[in-house]
């Protein structure tokens, strides 16, 4: 029981550490004028903040669309090829 309790307490701390690390990378990239690194780290922080928010198992459609947008933007940077996509709003 104690082990489960400790594990539950560490989850939010790990998420907070991940967000802070990505923000730190973004700040350093801005300071060093590494614009692409800054952009990718900001997208990653936004993606994980949405994806890991409160540990929900499902998301509202607008949240899923935002996750998809951040994910595809990161993939466009990861792969040199041009990825063209449209996200239609309802």
PDB file of N, CA and C in Angstrom:
ATOM      1  N   UNK A   1       0.817  -1.184   0.000  1.00  0.00           N
ATOM      2  CA  UNK A   1       0.000   0.000   0.000  1.00  0.00           C
ATOM      3  C   UNK A   1       0.870   1.262   0.000  1.00  0.00           C
ATOM      4  N   UNK A   2       1.927   1.252   0.823  1.00  0.00           N
ATOM      5  CA  UNK A   2       2.841   2.400   0.884  1.00  0.00           C
ATOM      6  C   UNK A   2       3.524   2.628  -0.467  1.00  0.00           C
ATOM      7  N   UNK A   3       3.870   1.548  -1.128  1.00  0.00           N
ATOM      8  CA  UNK A   3       4.528   1.656  -2.429  1.00  0.00           C
ATOM      9  C   UNK A   3       3.582   2.287  -3.460  1.00  0.00           C
ATOM     10  N   UNK A   4       2.316   1.899  -3.454  1.00  0.00           N
ATOM     11  CA  UNK A   4       1.337   2.494  -4.369  1.00  0.00           C
ATOM     12  C   UNK A   4       1.130   3.980  -4.070  1.00  0.00           C
ATOM     13  N   UNK A   5       1.094   4.295  -2.787  1.00  0.00           N
ATOM     14  CA  UNK A   5       0.919   5.692  -2.387  1.00  0.00           C
ATOM     15  C   UNK A   5       2.101   6.532  -2.855  1.00  0.00           C
ATOM     16  N   UNK A   6       3.293   6.025  -2.665  1.00  0.00           N
ATOM     17  CA  UNK A   6       4.503   6.745  -3.089  1.00  0.00           C
ATOM     18  C   UNK A   6       4.532   6.917  -4.608  1.00  0.00           C
ATOM     19  N   UNK A   7       4.148   5.883  -5.322  1.00  0.00           N
ATOM     20  CA  UNK A   7       4.119   5.947  -6.778  1.00  0.00           C
ATOM     21  C   UNK A   7       3.127   7.009  -7.263  1.00  0.00           C
ATOM     22  N   UNK A   8       1.984   7.085  -6.616  1.00  0.00           N
ATOM     23  CA  UNK A   8       0.969   8.076  -6.972  1.00  0.00           C
ATOM     24  C   UNK A   8       1.463   9.494  -6.699  1.00  0.00           C
ATOM     25  N   UNK A   9       2.261   9.656  -5.657  1.00  0.00           N
ATOM     26  CA  UNK A   9       2.794  10.972  -5.322  1.00  0.00           C
ATOM     27  C   UNK A   9       3.885  11.406  -6.293  1.00  0.00           C
ATOM     28  N   UNK A  10       4.642  10.467  -6.833  1.00  0.00           N
ATOM     29  CA  UNK A  10       5.752  10.789  -7.726  1.00  0.00           C
ATOM     30  C   UNK A  10       5.292  11.144  -9.137  1.00  0.00           C
ATOM     31  N   UNK A  11       4.133  10.662  -9.562  1.00  0.00           N
ATOM     32  CA  UNK A  11       3.657  10.937 -10.918  1.00  0.00           C
ATOM     33  C   UNK A  11       3.617  12.410 -11.258  1.00  0.00           C
ATOM     34  N   UNK A  12       2.916  13.228 -10.470  1.00  0.00           N
ATOM     35  CA  UNK A  12       2.875  14.666 -10.766  1.00  0.00           C
ATOM     36  C   UNK A  12       4.246  15.339 -10.685  1.00  0.00           C
ATOM     37  N   UNK A  13       5.112  14.862  -9.792  1.00  0.00           N
ATOM     38  CA  UNK A  13       6.456  15.437  -9.698  1.00  0.00           C
ATOM     39  C   UNK A  13       7.257  15.164 -10.958  1.00  0.00           C
ATOM     40  N   UNK A  14       7.121  13.971 -11.491  1.00  0.00           N
ATOM     41  CA  UNK A  14       7.828  13.631 -12.737  1.00  0.00           C
ATOM     42  C   UNK A  14       7.318  14.472 -13.898  1.00  0.00           C
ATOM     43  N   UNK A  15       6.004  14.665 -13.962  1.00  0.00           N
ATOM     44  CA  UNK A  15       5.437  15.503 -15.018  1.00  0.00           C
ATOM     45  C   UNK A  15       5.941  16.932 -14.891  1.00  0.00           C
ATOM     46  N   UNK A  16       5.941  17.447 -13.665  1.00  0.00           N
ATOM     47  CA  UNK A  16       6.405  18.810 -13.423  1.00  0.00           C
ATOM     48  C   UNK A  16       7.870  18.950 -13.830  1.00  0.00           C
ATOM     49  N   UNK A  17       8.688  17.952 -13.522  1.00  0.00           N
ATOM     50  CA  UNK A  17      10.094  17.962 -13.902  1.00  0.00           C
ATOM     51  C   UNK A  17      10.238  17.976 -15.424  1.00  0.00           C
ATOM     52  N   UNK A  18       9.439  17.173 -16.114  1.00  0.00           N
ATOM     53  CA  UNK A  18       9.481  17.134 -17.570  1.00  0.00           C
ATOM     54  C   UNK A  18       9.142  18.499 -18.159  1.00  0.00           C
ATOM     55  N   UNK A  19       8.055  19.117 -17.706  1.00  0.00           N
ATOM     56  CA  UNK A  19       7.667  20.440 -18.199  1.00  0.00           C
ATOM     57  C   UNK A  19       8.773  21.456 -17.952  1.00  0.00           C
ATOM     58  N   UNK A  20       9.296  21.470 -16.730  1.00  0.00           N
ATOM     59  CA  UNK A  20      10.330  22.446 -16.389  1.00  0.00           C
ATOM     60  C   UNK A  20      11.597  22.243 -17.214  1.00  0.00           C
ATOM     61  N   UNK A  21      11.950  21.000 -17.480  1.00  0.00           N
ATOM     62  CA  UNK A  21      13.131  20.716 -18.290  1.00  0.00           C
ATOM     63  C   UNK A  21      12.944  21.224 -19.713  1.00  0.00           C
ATOM     64  N   UNK A  22      11.783  20.993 -20.288  1.00  0.00           N
ATOM     65  CA  UNK A  22      11.522  21.468 -21.649  1.00  0.00           C
ATOM     66  C   UNK A  22      11.502  22.998 -21.706  1.00  0.00           C
ATOM     67  N   UNK A  23      10.959  23.628 -20.694  1.00  0.00           N
ATOM     68  CA  UNK A  23      10.957  25.095 -20.647  1.00  0.00           C
ATOM     69  C   UNK A  23      12.388  25.615 -20.500  1.00  0.00           C
ATOM     70  N   UNK A  24      13.201  24.965 -19.699  1.00  0.00           N
ATOM     71  CA  UNK A  24      14.602  25.359 -19.546  1.00  0.00           C
ATOM     72  C   UNK A  24      15.348  25.259 -20.879  1.00  0.00           C
ATOM     73  N   UNK A  25      15.118  24.186 -21.607  1.00  0.00           N
ATOM     74  CA  UNK A  25      15.730  24.029 -22.932  1.00  0.00           C
ATOM     75  C   UNK A  25      15.291  25.171 -23.842  1.00  0.00           C
ATOM     76  N   UNK A  26      14.024  25.493 -23.793  1.00  0.00           N
ATOM     77  CA  UNK A  26      13.497  26.584 -24.612  1.00  0.00           C
ATOM     78  C   UNK A  26      14.150  27.918 -24.254  1.00  0.00           C
ATOM     79  N   UNK A  27      14.252  28.212 -22.962  1.00  0.00           N
ATOM     80  CA  UNK A  27      14.889  29.465 -22.526  1.00  0.00           C
ATOM     81  C   UNK A  27      16.350  29.532 -22.969  1.00  0.00           C
ATOM     82  N   UNK A  28      17.069  28.426 -22.789  1.00  0.00           N
ATOM     83  CA  UNK A  28      18.473  28.404 -23.209  1.00  0.00           C
ATOM     84  C   UNK A  28      18.602  28.559 -24.721  1.00  0.00           C
ATOM     85  N   UNK A  29      17.718  27.936 -25.446  1.00  0.00           N
ATOM     86  CA  UNK A  29      17.750  28.055 -26.904  1.00  0.00           C
ATOM     87  C   UNK A  29      17.501  29.502 -27.325  1.00  0.00           C
ATOM     88  N   UNK A  30      16.568  30.156 -26.656  1.00  0.00           N
ATOM     89  CA  UNK A  30      16.301  31.572 -26.972  1.00  0.00           C
ATOM     90  C   UNK A  30      17.539  32.414 -26.687  1.00  0.00           C
ATOM     91  N   UNK A  31      18.161  32.170 -25.543  1.00  0.00           N
ATOM     92  CA  UNK A  31      19.364  32.918 -25.153  1.00  0.00           C
ATOM     93  C   UNK A  31      20.486  32.701 -26.172  1.00  0.00           C
ATOM     94  N   UNK A  32      20.593  31.479 -26.677  1.00  0.00           N
ATOM     95  CA  UNK A  32      21.647  31.132 -27.628  1.00  0.00           C
ATOM     96  C   UNK A  32      21.234  31.389 -29.080  1.00  0.00           C
ATOM     97  N   UNK A  33      20.050  31.940 -29.254  1.00  0.00           N
ATOM     98  CA  UNK A  33      19.500  32.248 -30.587  1.00  0.00           C
ATOM     99  C   UNK A  33      19.390  31.003 -31.471  1.00  0.00           C
ATOM    100  N   UNK A  34      19.020  29.902 -30.853  1.00  0.00           N
ATOM    101  CA  UNK A  34      18.777  28.646 -31.569  1.00  0.00           C
ATOM    102  C   UNK A  34      17.264  28.529 -31.767  1.00  0.00           C
ATOM    103  N   UNK A  35      16.756  29.206 -32.764  1.00  0.00           N
ATOM    104  CA  UNK A  35      15.316  29.353 -32.940  1.00  0.00           C
ATOM    105  C   UNK A  35      14.588  28.032 -33.156  1.00  0.00           C
ATOM    106  N   UNK A  36      15.171  27.137 -33.927  1.00  0.00           N
ATOM    107  CA  UNK A  36      14.497  25.857 -34.196  1.00  0.00           C
ATOM    108  C   UNK A  36      14.433  25.007 -32.926  1.00  0.00           C
ATOM    109  N   UNK A  37      15.492  25.005 -32.147  1.00  0.00           N
ATOM    110  CA  UNK A  37      15.496  24.270 -30.877  1.00  0.00           C
ATOM    111  C   UNK A  37      14.477  24.859 -29.913  1.00  0.00           C
ATOM    112  N   UNK A  38      14.388  26.171 -29.879  1.00  0.00           N
ATOM    113  CA  UNK A  38      13.393  26.825 -29.033  1.00  0.00           C
ATOM    114  C   UNK A  38      11.983  26.436 -29.457  1.00  0.00           C
ATOM    115  N   UNK A  39      11.724  26.451 -30.752  1.00  0.00           N
ATOM    116  CA  UNK A  39      10.393  26.112 -31.265  1.00  0.00           C
ATOM    117  C   UNK A  39      10.015  24.670 -30.937  1.00  0.00           C
ATOM    118  N   UNK A  40      10.928  23.752 -31.165  1.00  0.00           N
ATOM    119  CA  UNK A  40      10.656  22.335 -30.920  1.00  0.00           C
ATOM    120  C   UNK A  40      10.445  22.070 -29.427  1.00  0.00           C
ATOM    121  N   UNK A  41      11.242  22.687 -28.578  1.00  0.00           N
ATOM    122  CA  UNK A  41      11.079  22.458 -27.141  1.00  0.00           C
ATOM    123  C   UNK A  41       9.767  23.046 -26.635  1.00  0.00           C
ATOM    124  N   UNK A  42       9.339  24.178 -27.179  1.00  0.00           N
ATOM    125  CA  UNK A  42       8.039  24.744 -26.800  1.00  0.00           C
ATOM    126  C   UNK A  42       6.903  23.826 -27.244  1.00  0.00           C
ATOM    127  N   UNK A  43       6.991  23.323 -28.479  1.00  0.00           N
ATOM    128  CA  UNK A  43       5.967  22.385 -28.961  1.00  0.00           C
ATOM    129  C   UNK A  43       5.915  21.136 -28.092  1.00  0.00           C
ATOM    130  N   UNK A  44       7.074  20.627 -27.718  1.00  0.00           N
ATOM    131  CA  UNK A  44       7.139  19.431 -26.875  1.00  0.00           C
ATOM    132  C   UNK A  44       6.519  19.692 -25.509  1.00  0.00           C
ATOM    133  N   UNK A  45       6.833  20.834 -24.925  1.00  0.00           N
ATOM    134  CA  UNK A  45       6.262  21.178 -23.619  1.00  0.00           C
ATOM    135  C   UNK A  45       4.744  21.270 -23.712  1.00  0.00           C
ATOM    136  N   UNK A  46       4.238  21.907 -24.752  1.00  0.00           N
ATOM    137  CA  UNK A  46       2.789  22.034 -24.930  1.00  0.00           C
ATOM    138  C   UNK A  46       2.147  20.662 -25.130  1.00  0.00           C
ATOM    139  N   UNK A  47       2.798  19.826 -25.951  1.00  0.00           N
ATOM    140  CA  UNK A  47       2.269  18.485 -26.208  1.00  0.00           C
ATOM    141  C   UNK A  47       2.158  17.693 -24.904  1.00  0.00           C
ATOM    142  N   UNK A  48       3.256  17.626 -24.151  1.00  0.00           N
ATOM    143  CA  UNK A  48       3.235  16.828 -22.932  1.00  0.00           C
ATOM    144  C   UNK A  48       2.342  17.412 -21.853  1.00  0.00           C
ATOM    145  N   UNK A  49       2.229  18.736 -21.805  1.00  0.00           N
ATOM    146  CA  UNK A  49       1.321  19.336 -20.831  1.00  0.00           C
ATOM    147  C   UNK A  49      -0.111  18.890 -21.123  1.00  0.00           C
ATOM    148  N   UNK A  50      -0.493  18.846 -22.388  1.00  0.00           N
ATOM    149  CA  UNK A  50      -1.838  18.385 -22.754  1.00  0.00           C
ATOM    150  C   UNK A  50      -1.980  16.872 -22.591  1.00  0.00           C
ATOM    151  N   UNK A  51      -0.974  16.132 -23.059  1.00  0.00           N
ATOM    152  CA  UNK A  51      -1.059  14.667 -23.064  1.00  0.00           C
ATOM    153  C   UNK A  51      -1.072  14.077 -21.662  1.00  0.00           C
ATOM    154  N   UNK A  52      -0.344  14.683 -20.750  1.00  0.00           N
ATOM    155  CA  UNK A  52      -0.217  14.120 -19.409  1.00  0.00           C
ATOM    156  C   UNK A  52      -1.086  14.823 -18.381  1.00  0.00           C
ATOM    157  N   UNK A  53      -1.872  15.765 -18.798  1.00  0.00           N
ATOM    158  CA  UNK A  53      -2.693  16.563 -17.896  1.00  0.00           C
ATOM    159  C   UNK A  53      -3.651  15.694 -17.096  1.00  0.00           C
ATOM    160  N   UNK A  54      -3.438  15.638 -15.802  1.00  0.00           N
ATOM    161  CA  UNK A  54      -4.324  14.978 -14.841  1.00  0.00           C
ATOM    162  C   UNK A  54      -4.518  13.486 -15.108  1.00  0.00           C
ATOM    163  N   UNK A  55      -3.737  12.896 -15.985  1.00  0.00           N
ATOM    164  CA  UNK A  55      -3.829  11.470 -16.223  1.00  0.00           C
ATOM    165  C   UNK A  55      -5.156  11.001 -16.789  1.00  0.00           C
ATOM    166  N   UNK A  56      -5.862  11.879 -17.476  1.00  0.00           N
ATOM    167  CA  UNK A  56      -7.159  11.497 -18.030  1.00  0.00           C
ATOM    168  C   UNK A  56      -6.976  10.442 -19.114  1.00  0.00           C
ATOM    169  N   UNK A  57      -7.958   9.561 -19.252  1.00  0.00           N
ATOM    170  CA  UNK A  57      -7.867   8.503 -20.253  1.00  0.00           C
ATOM    171  C   UNK A  57      -8.500   8.901 -21.575  1.00  0.00           C
ATOM    172  N   UNK A  58      -9.260   9.975 -21.584  1.00  0.00           N
ATOM    173  CA  UNK A  58      -9.824  10.483 -22.827  1.00  0.00           C
ATOM    174  C   UNK A  58      -9.801  12.002 -22.793  1.00  0.00           C
ATOM    175  N   UNK A  59      -9.860  12.611 -23.969  1.00  0.00           N
ATOM    176  CA  UNK A  59      -9.784  14.056 -24.077  1.00  0.00           C
ATOM    177  C   UNK A  59     -10.941  14.582 -24.897  1.00  0.00           C
ATOM    178  N   UNK A  60     -11.274  15.832 -24.675  1.00  0.00           N
ATOM    179  CA  UNK A  60     -12.259  16.503 -25.512  1.00  0.00           C
ATOM    180  C   UNK A  60     -11.659  16.660 -26.914  1.00  0.00           C
ATOM    181  N   UNK A  61     -12.503  16.800 -27.909  1.00  0.00           N
ATOM    182  CA  UNK A  61     -12.054  16.871 -29.294  1.00  0.00           C
ATOM    183  C   UNK A  61     -11.081  18.029 -29.513  1.00  0.00           C
ATOM    184  N   UNK A  62     -11.343  19.186 -28.927  1.00  0.00           N
ATOM    185  CA  UNK A  62     -10.444  20.325 -29.128  1.00  0.00           C
ATOM    186  C   UNK A  62      -9.052  20.055 -28.552  1.00  0.00           C
ATOM    187  N   UNK A  63      -8.998  19.309 -27.452  1.00  0.00           N
ATOM    188  CA  UNK A  63      -7.715  18.944 -26.865  1.00  0.00           C
ATOM    189  C   UNK A  63      -6.984  17.937 -27.758  1.00  0.00           C
ATOM    190  N   UNK A  64      -7.716  16.989 -28.313  1.00  0.00           N
ATOM    191  CA  UNK A  64      -7.114  16.007 -29.227  1.00  0.00           C
ATOM    192  C   UNK A  64      -6.567  16.691 -30.477  1.00  0.00           C
ATOM    193  N   UNK A  65      -7.289  17.678 -30.994  1.00  0.00           N
ATOM    194  CA  UNK A  65      -6.829  18.417 -32.168  1.00  0.00           C
ATOM    195  C   UNK A  65      -5.547  19.180 -31.838  1.00  0.00           C
ATOM    196  N   UNK A  66      -5.487  19.797 -30.662  1.00  0.00           N
ATOM    197  CA  UNK A  66      -4.280  20.507 -30.236  1.00  0.00           C
ATOM    198  C   UNK A  66      -3.105  19.541 -30.105  1.00  0.00           C
ATOM    199  N   UNK A  67      -3.345  18.363 -29.514  1.00  0.00           N
ATOM    200  CA  UNK A  67      -2.295  17.348 -29.396  1.00  0.00           C
ATOM    201  C   UNK A  67      -1.785  16.941 -30.781  1.00  0.00           C
ATOM    202  N   UNK A  68      -2.707  16.715 -31.689  1.00  0.00           N
ATOM    203  CA  UNK A  68      -2.340  16.316 -33.048  1.00  0.00           C
ATOM    204  C   UNK A  68      -1.518  17.408 -33.730  1.00  0.00           C
ATOM    205  N   UNK A  69      -1.940  18.658 -33.565  1.00  0.00           N
ATOM    206  CA  UNK A  69      -1.204  19.768 -34.169  1.00  0.00           C
ATOM    207  C   UNK A  69       0.231  19.828 -33.641  1.00  0.00           C
ATOM    208  N   UNK A  70       0.407  19.739 -32.316  1.00  0.00           N
ATOM    209  CA  UNK A  70       1.750  19.793 -31.728  1.00  0.00           C
ATOM    210  C   UNK A  70       2.587  18.597 -32.207  1.00  0.00           C
ATOM    211  N   UNK A  71       1.970  17.428 -32.216  1.00  0.00           N
ATOM    212  CA  UNK A  71       2.680  16.221 -32.647  1.00  0.00           C
ATOM    213  C   UNK A  71       3.161  16.349 -34.094  1.00  0.00           C
ATOM    214  N   UNK A  72       2.269  16.765 -34.986  1.00  0.00           N
ATOM    215  CA  UNK A  72       2.640  16.886 -36.393  1.00  0.00           C
ATOM    216  C   UNK A  72       3.686  17.971 -36.612  1.00  0.00           C
ATOM    217  N   UNK A  73       3.614  19.034 -35.861  1.00  0.00           N
ATOM    218  CA  UNK A  73       4.624  20.089 -35.968  1.00  0.00           C
ATOM    219  C   UNK A  73       6.004  19.575 -35.557  1.00  0.00           C
ATOM    220  N   UNK A  74       6.044  18.767 -34.511  1.00  0.00           N
ATOM    221  CA  UNK A  74       7.310  18.176 -34.074  1.00  0.00           C
ATOM    222  C   UNK A  74       7.830  17.214 -35.142  1.00  0.00           C
ATOM    223  N   UNK A  75       6.947  16.398 -35.690  1.00  0.00           N
ATOM    224  CA  UNK A  75       7.356  15.443 -36.727  1.00  0.00           C
ATOM    225  C   UNK A  75       7.875  16.148 -37.974  1.00  0.00           C
ATOM    226  N   UNK A  76       7.276  17.269 -38.323  1.00  0.00           N
ATOM    227  CA  UNK A  76       7.765  18.043 -39.472  1.00  0.00           C
ATOM    228  C   UNK A  76       9.198  18.503 -39.235  1.00  0.00           C
ATOM    229  N   UNK A  77       9.533  18.830 -38.014  1.00  0.00           N
ATOM    230  CA  UNK A  77      10.897  19.244 -37.683  1.00  0.00           C
ATOM    231  C   UNK A  77      11.837  18.051 -37.620  1.00  0.00           C
ATOM    232  N   UNK A  78      11.315  16.952 -37.161  1.00  0.00           N
ATOM    233  CA  UNK A  78      12.136  15.746 -36.999  1.00  0.00           C
ATOM    234  C   UNK A  78      12.582  15.186 -38.347  1.00  0.00           C
ATOM    235  N   UNK A  79      11.661  15.139 -39.270  1.00  0.00           N
ATOM    236  CA  UNK A  79      11.963  14.620 -40.595  1.00  0.00           C
ATOM    237  C   UNK A  79      12.130  15.788 -41.543  1.00  0.00           C
ATOM    238  N   UNK A  80      13.183  15.733 -42.323  1.00  0.00           N
ATOM    239  CA  UNK A  80      13.498  16.846 -43.210  1.00  0.00           C
ATOM    240  C   UNK A  80      12.445  17.001 -44.307  1.00  0.00           C
ATOM    241  N   UNK A  81      11.745  15.939 -44.609  1.00  0.00           N
ATOM    242  CA  UNK A  81      10.741  16.021 -45.675  1.00  0.00           C
ATOM    243  C   UNK A  81       9.613  16.963 -45.267  1.00  0.00           C
ATOM    244  N   UNK A  82       9.006  17.540 -46.249  1.00  0.00           N
ATOM    245  CA  UNK A  82       7.891  18.446 -45.997  1.00  0.00           C
ATOM    246  C   UNK A  82       6.623  17.627 -45.793  1.00  0.00           C
ATOM    247  N   UNK A  83       5.975  17.846 -44.701  1.00  0.00           N
ATOM    248  CA  UNK A  83       4.716  17.182 -44.403  1.00  0.00           C
ATOM    249  C   UNK A  83       3.633  18.235 -44.473  1.00  0.00           C
ATOM    250  N   UNK A  84       2.697  18.021 -45.348  1.00  0.00           N
ATOM    251  CA  UNK A  84       1.613  18.983 -45.517  1.00  0.00           C
ATOM    252  C   UNK A  84       0.335  18.364 -44.958  1.00  0.00           C
ATOM    253  N   UNK A  85      -0.341  19.097 -44.099  1.00  0.00           N
ATOM    254  CA  UNK A  85      -1.566  18.592 -43.505  1.00  0.00           C
ATOM    255  C   UNK A  85      -2.512  19.735 -43.218  1.00  0.00           C
ATOM    256  N   UNK A  86      -3.778  19.425 -43.137  1.00  0.00           N
ATOM    257  CA  UNK A  86      -4.804  20.372 -42.757  1.00  0.00           C
ATOM    258  C   UNK A  86      -5.627  19.766 -41.622  1.00  0.00           C
ATOM    259  N   UNK A  87      -5.902  20.567 -40.631  1.00  0.00           N
ATOM    260  CA  UNK A  87      -6.785  20.145 -39.554  1.00  0.00           C
ATOM    261  C   UNK A  87      -8.037  20.985 -39.683  1.00  0.00           C
ATOM    262  N   UNK A  88      -9.119  20.336 -40.022  1.00  0.00           N
ATOM    263  CA  UNK A  88     -10.381  21.035 -40.227  1.00  0.00           C
ATOM    264  C   UNK A  88     -11.081  21.256 -38.904  1.00  0.00           C
ATOM    265  N   UNK A  89     -11.642  22.414 -38.736  1.00  0.00           N
ATOM    266  CA  UNK A  89     -12.402  22.673 -37.511  1.00  0.00           C
ATOM    267  C   UNK A  89     -13.878  22.415 -37.764  1.00  0.00           C
ATOM    268  N   UNK A  90     -14.575  22.050 -36.725  1.00  0.00           N
ATOM    269  CA  UNK A  90     -15.988  21.717 -36.839  1.00  0.00           C
ATOM    270  C   UNK A  90     -16.845  22.836 -36.319  1.00  0.00           C
TER     271      UNK A  90
END
